[in-house]
Each structure stands twice: as structure tokens, then as C-alpha cells.
């Protein structure tokens, strides 16, 4: 299933409850460049719905190198014939 980057607003204003079921949170470690694709239901289970993702990103830890600082993240959304591009 193809994914495309999506912008939900300013990074400091995007909250957990803005994520939909077809979104994926892509977290990248700046030290070892490992990328993790985190499903929305995992983010909902771990963090409060009104918590900004920028604050939640401070709890991300790289499983490869153990880095906890400056983890970058972006949101990608599933597209395809069953998912229209506008949502």
C-alpha cells in the first residue's frame, strides 16, 4: 500500500488525536538513521489523546543505538483506490 507525506499543521500543534486509522508515524534516529514505522493504534495506546506529538517525541528511544535525543518524526497516510486522497 503506498503512503504519501501529509501535513496536519505546525509540528508543535499536531496532537495524538489528529492521527487517523490510515496514518503512520515515521520516527527516524539522527544518530544511526534507522527509521521506525509506528502504527496509530500503538501511539493511541501509549500516549494521551490531547498530548502534542512534539512532546511525545521526547519519549522515543532508538532500539538500535539507544539514542533518546532529537528523534525526528513525520506523518504519512495510506493512499490507494480504496482510500481517496482527500480526507
Protein backbone atom coordinates (compact mmCIF):
# COMPACT_ATOMS: atom_id res chain seq x y z
CA UNK A 1 0.00 0.00 0.00
CA UNK A 2 1.54 3.33 -0.99
CA UNK A 3 1.95 6.11 1.54
CA UNK A 4 2.31 9.83 0.99
CA UNK A 5 3.53 12.50 3.43
CA UNK A 6 0.76 14.57 4.97
CA UNK A 7 0.86 17.89 6.84
CA UNK A 8 -1.67 18.26 9.65
CA UNK A 9 -0.44 21.67 10.77
CA UNK A 10 2.54 23.09 12.57
CA UNK A 11 4.66 20.40 14.28
CA UNK A 12 4.13 21.89 17.73
CA UNK A 13 0.33 21.91 17.26
CA UNK A 14 -0.23 18.35 15.97
CA UNK A 15 -1.73 16.17 18.69
CA UNK A 16 -2.22 12.44 19.01
CA UNK A 17 -5.97 12.68 18.33
CA UNK A 18 -5.28 14.22 14.89
CA UNK A 19 -3.97 10.84 13.65
CA UNK A 20 -6.43 8.68 11.70
CA UNK A 21 -6.51 4.92 11.25
CA UNK A 22 -4.67 5.09 7.93
CA UNK A 23 -1.84 7.29 9.23
CA UNK A 24 1.56 6.03 10.23
CA UNK A 25 4.13 7.85 12.35
CA UNK A 26 7.62 7.55 10.87
CA UNK A 27 10.27 8.13 13.54
CA UNK A 28 13.91 8.49 12.43
CA UNK A 29 17.00 8.36 14.63
CA UNK A 30 19.50 11.10 13.70
CA UNK A 31 22.46 9.12 15.07
CA UNK A 32 22.13 5.83 13.15
CA UNK A 33 19.47 6.83 10.56
CA UNK A 34 17.18 3.92 11.49
CA UNK A 35 13.50 4.53 10.65
CA UNK A 36 10.59 3.08 12.59
CA UNK A 37 7.03 2.95 11.27
CA UNK A 38 4.70 3.24 14.26
CA UNK A 39 1.03 2.37 13.73
CA UNK A 40 -1.58 4.79 15.01
CA UNK A 41 -3.09 2.32 17.48
CA UNK A 42 0.30 1.99 19.20
CA UNK A 43 0.55 5.77 19.60
CA UNK A 44 -3.03 5.92 20.97
CA UNK A 45 -2.29 3.13 23.47
CA UNK A 46 0.88 4.77 24.73
CA UNK A 47 0.03 8.49 24.87
CA UNK A 48 -2.91 10.66 25.93
CA UNK A 49 -5.11 11.81 23.03
CA UNK A 50 -4.52 15.54 23.61
CA UNK A 51 -0.74 15.28 24.03
CA UNK A 52 1.20 17.08 21.29
CA UNK A 53 3.32 14.72 19.19
CA UNK A 54 6.28 17.04 19.72
CA UNK A 55 6.12 16.28 23.47
CA UNK A 56 5.55 12.56 22.83
CA UNK A 57 8.65 12.50 20.60
CA UNK A 58 10.79 13.14 23.69
CA UNK A 59 9.89 9.62 24.89
CA UNK A 60 11.02 7.90 21.67
CA UNK A 61 14.11 5.70 22.03
CA UNK A 62 16.08 4.12 19.17
CA UNK A 63 16.24 0.37 19.65
CA UNK A 64 19.41 0.07 17.57
CA UNK A 65 21.71 2.62 19.23
CA UNK A 66 19.76 3.74 22.32
CA UNK A 67 19.59 7.39 21.27
CA UNK A 68 16.90 9.42 23.05
CA UNK A 69 17.70 12.91 21.76
CA UNK A 70 16.34 14.76 18.73
CA UNK A 71 14.29 11.92 17.26
CA UNK A 72 12.65 13.32 14.14
CA UNK A 73 9.16 12.30 13.06
CA UNK A 74 6.73 12.76 10.23
CA UNK A 75 3.25 11.52 9.38
CA UNK A 76 2.44 9.51 6.27
CA UNK A 77 -1.03 8.50 5.11
CA UNK A 78 -2.09 5.43 3.14
CA UNK A 79 -3.40 6.10 -0.35
CA UNK A 80 -4.85 3.87 -2.99
CA UNK A 81 -8.07 3.11 -4.81
CA UNK A 82 -9.88 2.26 -1.56
CA UNK A 83 -8.63 5.46 0.11
CA UNK A 84 -9.41 8.76 -1.65
CA UNK A 85 -6.66 11.39 -1.45
CA UNK A 86 -8.87 13.97 0.22
CA UNK A 87 -9.68 13.33 3.85
